[in-house]
Every structure is written in structure tokens, then in C-alpha cells.
Amino acid sequence: MSIKPLADRVLVKPAAAEEKTVGGIIIPDSAKEKPLKGEVIATGNGTKDEEMVLKPADHVLYGKYAGTEIELEGVQYLIMRQSDVLAII
């Protein structure tokens, strides 16, 4: 991995969106809801006020508008603060 998050930030790979059909109509990718769960790929070291609780390979739930989308080697990731993560599953 060529990205190392700093401070209290984590790199998350979102879970794939589920394929759904409505009455035989396939919903396009642009209309699908973003998944709200993913896998932690990399973490920062934390800050002096907040230690890093998450670790790589944790599966997490995060807020709907959390993080910044980035693309690395053709794969979509989110980089967000640890405080944007709601739960470990």
C-alpha cells in the first residue's frame, strides 16, 4: 500500500454495492445507495488526545457522508477520521 494515513485518519475500502432489481428494472450505479460499511486497509498512528483504536482488517460501519473518496490503482477508497467510524462489526 502506497498510502499511509496520518494522525487519526483511516483508509477504508467500501463494501461492494448490492445488486438490486425493482420489478425487473436494473438500477444504474449512479442511483444505488453507497454502502455504509467497509474494511480498514491502513491507519494513522493517532494523536496525543486520541489513540488509534482501529486496525487493518477491521470491518466497520461509517456515516453516510463520511470521508473523502480517492482512487488508487483503479480501486475506490475512502479516507476519513477515526471519529467518522460508527462501529466495528
N, C-alpha and C. Protein backbone atom coordinates (compact mmCIF):
# COMPACT_ATOMS: atom_id res chain seq x y z
N MET A 1 0.85 -1.18 0.00
CA MET A 1 0.00 0.00 0.00
C MET A 1 0.89 1.23 0.00
N SER A 2 0.65 2.13 -0.93
CA SER A 2 1.48 3.33 -1.03
C SER A 2 0.87 4.53 -0.32
N ILE A 3 -0.25 4.35 0.39
CA ILE A 3 -0.86 5.44 1.15
C ILE A 3 -0.77 5.09 2.63
N LYS A 4 -0.24 6.02 3.41
CA LYS A 4 -0.19 5.87 4.86
C LYS A 4 -0.96 7.04 5.46
N PRO A 5 -2.15 6.80 6.03
CA PRO A 5 -2.92 7.88 6.65
C PRO A 5 -2.14 8.50 7.81
N LEU A 6 -2.36 9.78 8.04
CA LEU A 6 -1.69 10.49 9.11
C LEU A 6 -2.63 10.70 10.29
N ALA A 7 -2.06 10.87 11.45
CA ALA A 7 -2.78 11.21 12.68
C ALA A 7 -3.93 10.24 12.95
N ASP A 8 -5.17 10.76 13.02
CA ASP A 8 -6.32 9.93 13.38
C ASP A 8 -7.15 9.52 12.17
N ARG A 9 -6.52 9.44 11.01
CA ARG A 9 -7.25 9.09 9.80
C ARG A 9 -7.07 7.61 9.47
N VAL A 10 -8.09 7.05 8.79
CA VAL A 10 -8.05 5.65 8.37
C VAL A 10 -8.41 5.55 6.89
N LEU A 11 -7.86 4.57 6.22
CA LEU A 11 -8.17 4.28 4.82
C LEU A 11 -9.11 3.08 4.81
N VAL A 12 -10.30 3.26 4.20
CA VAL A 12 -11.34 2.23 4.20
C VAL A 12 -11.68 1.86 2.77
N LYS A 13 -11.79 0.56 2.51
CA LYS A 13 -12.27 0.08 1.22
C LYS A 13 -13.75 -0.25 1.39
N PRO A 14 -14.64 0.55 0.75
CA PRO A 14 -16.08 0.30 0.91
C PRO A 14 -16.48 -1.07 0.38
N ALA A 15 -17.48 -1.67 1.02
CA ALA A 15 -18.04 -2.93 0.54
C ALA A 15 -18.73 -2.67 -0.79
N ALA A 16 -18.82 -3.68 -1.62
CA ALA A 16 -19.48 -3.54 -2.92
C ALA A 16 -20.97 -3.29 -2.72
N ALA A 17 -21.53 -2.42 -3.56
CA ALA A 17 -22.97 -2.14 -3.51
C ALA A 17 -23.73 -3.39 -3.94
N GLU A 18 -24.82 -3.65 -3.25
CA GLU A 18 -25.62 -4.83 -3.59
C GLU A 18 -26.40 -4.59 -4.88
N GLU A 19 -26.49 -5.61 -5.70
CA GLU A 19 -27.27 -5.53 -6.93
C GLU A 19 -28.74 -5.72 -6.59
N LYS A 20 -29.56 -4.77 -6.96
CA LYS A 20 -30.99 -4.88 -6.70
C LYS A 20 -31.75 -4.61 -7.99
N THR A 21 -32.85 -5.30 -8.13
CA THR A 21 -33.75 -5.02 -9.25
C THR A 21 -35.12 -4.70 -8.68
N VAL A 22 -35.81 -3.82 -9.35
CA VAL A 22 -37.14 -3.43 -8.93
C VAL A 22 -38.10 -3.79 -10.06
N GLY A 23 -38.87 -4.83 -9.87
CA GLY A 23 -39.83 -5.24 -10.88
C GLY A 23 -39.18 -5.53 -12.22
N GLY A 24 -37.98 -6.10 -12.23
CA GLY A 24 -37.30 -6.43 -13.47
C GLY A 24 -36.45 -5.30 -14.02
N ILE A 25 -36.48 -4.13 -13.38
CA ILE A 25 -35.67 -2.99 -13.82
C ILE A 25 -34.37 -2.99 -13.03
N ILE A 26 -33.27 -2.94 -13.73
CA ILE A 26 -31.97 -2.90 -13.06
C ILE A 26 -31.64 -1.44 -12.76
N ILE A 27 -31.30 -1.18 -11.51
CA ILE A 27 -31.00 0.19 -11.08
C ILE A 27 -29.55 0.52 -11.46
N PRO A 28 -29.32 1.65 -12.15
CA PRO A 28 -27.94 2.00 -12.55
C PRO A 28 -27.08 2.35 -11.33
N ASP A 29 -25.76 2.24 -11.51
CA ASP A 29 -24.82 2.51 -10.41
C ASP A 29 -25.01 3.89 -9.82
N SER A 30 -25.32 4.88 -10.63
CA SER A 30 -25.45 6.25 -10.13
C SER A 30 -26.64 6.41 -9.19
N ALA A 31 -27.62 5.54 -9.27
CA ALA A 31 -28.81 5.64 -8.42
C ALA A 31 -28.75 4.74 -7.19
N LYS A 32 -27.72 3.90 -7.12
CA LYS A 32 -27.61 3.00 -5.98
C LYS A 32 -27.12 3.76 -4.76
N GLU A 33 -27.58 3.33 -3.59
CA GLU A 33 -27.09 3.92 -2.35
C GLU A 33 -25.68 3.41 -2.08
N LYS A 34 -24.86 4.29 -1.57
CA LYS A 34 -23.50 3.89 -1.23
C LYS A 34 -23.54 2.94 -0.04
N PRO A 35 -22.67 1.96 -0.01
CA PRO A 35 -22.61 1.09 1.16
C PRO A 35 -22.08 1.88 2.35
N LEU A 36 -22.53 1.54 3.52
CA LEU A 36 -22.11 2.25 4.73
C LEU A 36 -21.20 1.38 5.58
N LYS A 37 -20.61 0.37 4.95
CA LYS A 37 -19.66 -0.48 5.67
C LYS A 37 -18.47 -0.75 4.78
N GLY A 38 -17.37 -1.12 5.39
CA GLY A 38 -16.17 -1.38 4.62
C GLY A 38 -15.10 -2.00 5.51
N GLU A 39 -13.92 -2.18 4.92
CA GLU A 39 -12.80 -2.80 5.61
C GLU A 39 -11.67 -1.78 5.75
N VAL A 40 -11.11 -1.69 6.94
CA VAL A 40 -9.98 -0.79 7.17
C VAL A 40 -8.75 -1.39 6.50
N ILE A 41 -8.10 -0.59 5.66
CA ILE A 41 -6.91 -1.04 4.94
C ILE A 41 -5.64 -0.56 5.63
N ALA A 42 -5.65 0.70 6.08
CA ALA A 42 -4.48 1.28 6.76
C ALA A 42 -4.95 2.32 7.76
N THR A 43 -4.13 2.55 8.79
CA THR A 43 -4.47 3.54 9.82
C THR A 43 -3.28 4.44 10.11
N GLY A 44 -3.59 5.63 10.62
CA GLY A 44 -2.55 6.52 11.12
C GLY A 44 -2.14 6.07 12.51
N ASN A 45 -1.29 6.86 13.16
CA ASN A 45 -0.80 6.50 14.50
C ASN A 45 -1.65 7.07 15.61
N GLY A 46 -2.65 7.87 15.29
CA GLY A 46 -3.46 8.52 16.31
C GLY A 46 -2.87 9.87 16.66
N THR A 47 -3.49 10.55 17.61
CA THR A 47 -2.99 11.84 18.08
C THR A 47 -2.70 11.73 19.57
N LYS A 48 -2.13 12.79 20.14
CA LYS A 48 -1.84 12.75 21.58
C LYS A 48 -3.12 12.74 22.40
N ASP A 49 -4.22 13.26 21.82
CA ASP A 49 -5.50 13.29 22.52
C ASP A 49 -6.37 12.07 22.25
N GLU A 50 -6.11 11.37 21.13
CA GLU A 50 -6.97 10.24 20.74
C GLU A 50 -6.10 9.12 20.18
N GLU A 51 -6.06 8.00 20.91
CA GLU A 51 -5.28 6.87 20.43
C GLU A 51 -6.04 6.15 19.30
N MET A 52 -5.30 5.49 18.43
CA MET A 52 -5.90 4.76 17.32
C MET A 52 -6.45 3.44 17.84
N VAL A 53 -7.76 3.27 17.73
CA VAL A 53 -8.43 2.06 18.20
C VAL A 53 -8.57 1.06 17.05
N LEU A 54 -8.75 1.57 15.84
CA LEU A 54 -8.94 0.71 14.67
C LEU A 54 -7.62 0.12 14.21
N LYS A 55 -7.71 -1.02 13.54
CA LYS A 55 -6.52 -1.66 12.98
C LYS A 55 -6.88 -2.22 11.60
N PRO A 56 -5.89 -2.44 10.75
CA PRO A 56 -6.17 -3.01 9.44
C PRO A 56 -6.94 -4.33 9.56
N ALA A 57 -7.84 -4.57 8.63
CA ALA A 57 -8.69 -5.76 8.54
C ALA A 57 -9.94 -5.66 9.40
N ASP A 58 -10.12 -4.58 10.19
CA ASP A 58 -11.38 -4.37 10.91
C ASP A 58 -12.48 -4.06 9.89
N HIS A 59 -13.65 -4.62 10.11
CA HIS A 59 -14.82 -4.28 9.30
C HIS A 59 -15.63 -3.26 10.09
N VAL A 60 -15.95 -2.14 9.44
CA VAL A 60 -16.54 -1.01 10.15
C VAL A 60 -17.80 -0.49 9.46
N LEU A 61 -18.61 0.21 10.26
CA LEU A 61 -19.75 0.98 9.76
C LEU A 61 -19.37 2.45 9.89
N TYR A 62 -19.74 3.26 8.89
CA TYR A 62 -19.42 4.68 8.93
C TYR A 62 -20.61 5.50 8.45
N GLY A 63 -20.57 6.80 8.70
CA GLY A 63 -21.66 7.69 8.35
C GLY A 63 -21.83 7.82 6.84
N LYS A 64 -23.03 8.18 6.42
CA LYS A 64 -23.38 8.26 5.01
C LYS A 64 -22.49 9.23 4.23
N TYR A 65 -22.15 10.36 4.84
CA TYR A 65 -21.35 11.37 4.14
C TYR A 65 -19.92 11.44 4.67
N ALA A 66 -19.46 10.39 5.32
CA ALA A 66 -18.13 10.38 5.91
C ALA A 66 -17.05 10.19 4.86
N GLY A 67 -15.93 10.83 5.08
CA GLY A 67 -14.73 10.58 4.30
C GLY A 67 -14.66 11.27 2.95
N THR A 68 -13.49 11.15 2.37
CA THR A 68 -13.18 11.68 1.05
C THR A 68 -12.85 10.52 0.14
N GLU A 69 -13.51 10.49 -1.03
CA GLU A 69 -13.27 9.39 -1.97
C GLU A 69 -11.95 9.62 -2.70
N ILE A 70 -11.15 8.56 -2.79
CA ILE A 70 -9.92 8.59 -3.57
C ILE A 70 -9.85 7.31 -4.39
N GLU A 71 -9.08 7.35 -5.47
CA GLU A 71 -8.88 6.16 -6.30
C GLU A 71 -7.39 5.89 -6.39
N LEU A 72 -7.01 4.66 -6.11
CA LEU A 72 -5.62 4.26 -6.15
C LEU A 72 -5.52 2.96 -6.92
N GLU A 73 -4.78 2.96 -8.01
CA GLU A 73 -4.58 1.78 -8.85
C GLU A 73 -5.92 1.19 -9.28
N GLY A 74 -6.88 2.05 -9.61
CA GLY A 74 -8.17 1.61 -10.12
C GLY A 74 -9.15 1.14 -9.06
N VAL A 75 -8.81 1.25 -7.79
CA VAL A 75 -9.69 0.81 -6.70
C VAL A 75 -10.15 2.04 -5.92
N GLN A 76 -11.44 2.09 -5.60
CA GLN A 76 -12.00 3.21 -4.84
C GLN A 76 -11.79 2.98 -3.34
N TYR A 77 -11.38 4.04 -2.64
CA TYR A 77 -11.19 4.02 -1.20
C TYR A 77 -11.82 5.27 -0.60
N LEU A 78 -12.01 5.25 0.70
CA LEU A 78 -12.41 6.42 1.46
C LEU A 78 -11.34 6.67 2.51
N ILE A 79 -10.97 7.93 2.69
CA ILE A 79 -10.09 8.28 3.78
C ILE A 79 -10.89 9.18 4.71
N MET A 80 -10.93 8.81 6.00
CA MET A 80 -11.78 9.52 6.95
C MET A 80 -11.12 9.53 8.32
N ARG A 81 -11.64 10.39 9.17
CA ARG A 81 -11.18 10.42 10.56
C ARG A 81 -11.74 9.22 11.31
N GLN A 82 -10.98 8.77 12.29
CA GLN A 82 -11.45 7.65 13.11
C GLN A 82 -12.80 7.97 13.76
N SER A 83 -13.03 9.23 14.08
CA SER A 83 -14.29 9.61 14.73
C SER A 83 -15.50 9.51 13.79
N ASP A 84 -15.27 9.40 12.46
CA ASP A 84 -16.36 9.21 11.50
C ASP A 84 -16.84 7.77 11.47
N VAL A 85 -16.05 6.86 12.04
CA VAL A 85 -16.43 5.44 12.10
C VAL A 85 -17.40 5.26 13.26
N LEU A 86 -18.54 4.63 12.98
CA LEU A 86 -19.58 4.46 13.98
C LEU A 86 -19.41 3.21 14.81
N ALA A 87 -18.93 2.12 14.19
CA ALA A 87 -18.84 0.85 14.90
C ALA A 87 -17.91 -0.12 14.17
N ILE A 88 -17.37 -1.06 14.92
CA ILE A 88 -16.62 -2.18 14.35
C ILE A 88 -17.58 -3.36 14.33
N ILE A 89 -17.67 -4.06 13.18
CA ILE A 89 -18.58 -5.21 13.09
C ILE A 89 -17.78 -6.48 12.87
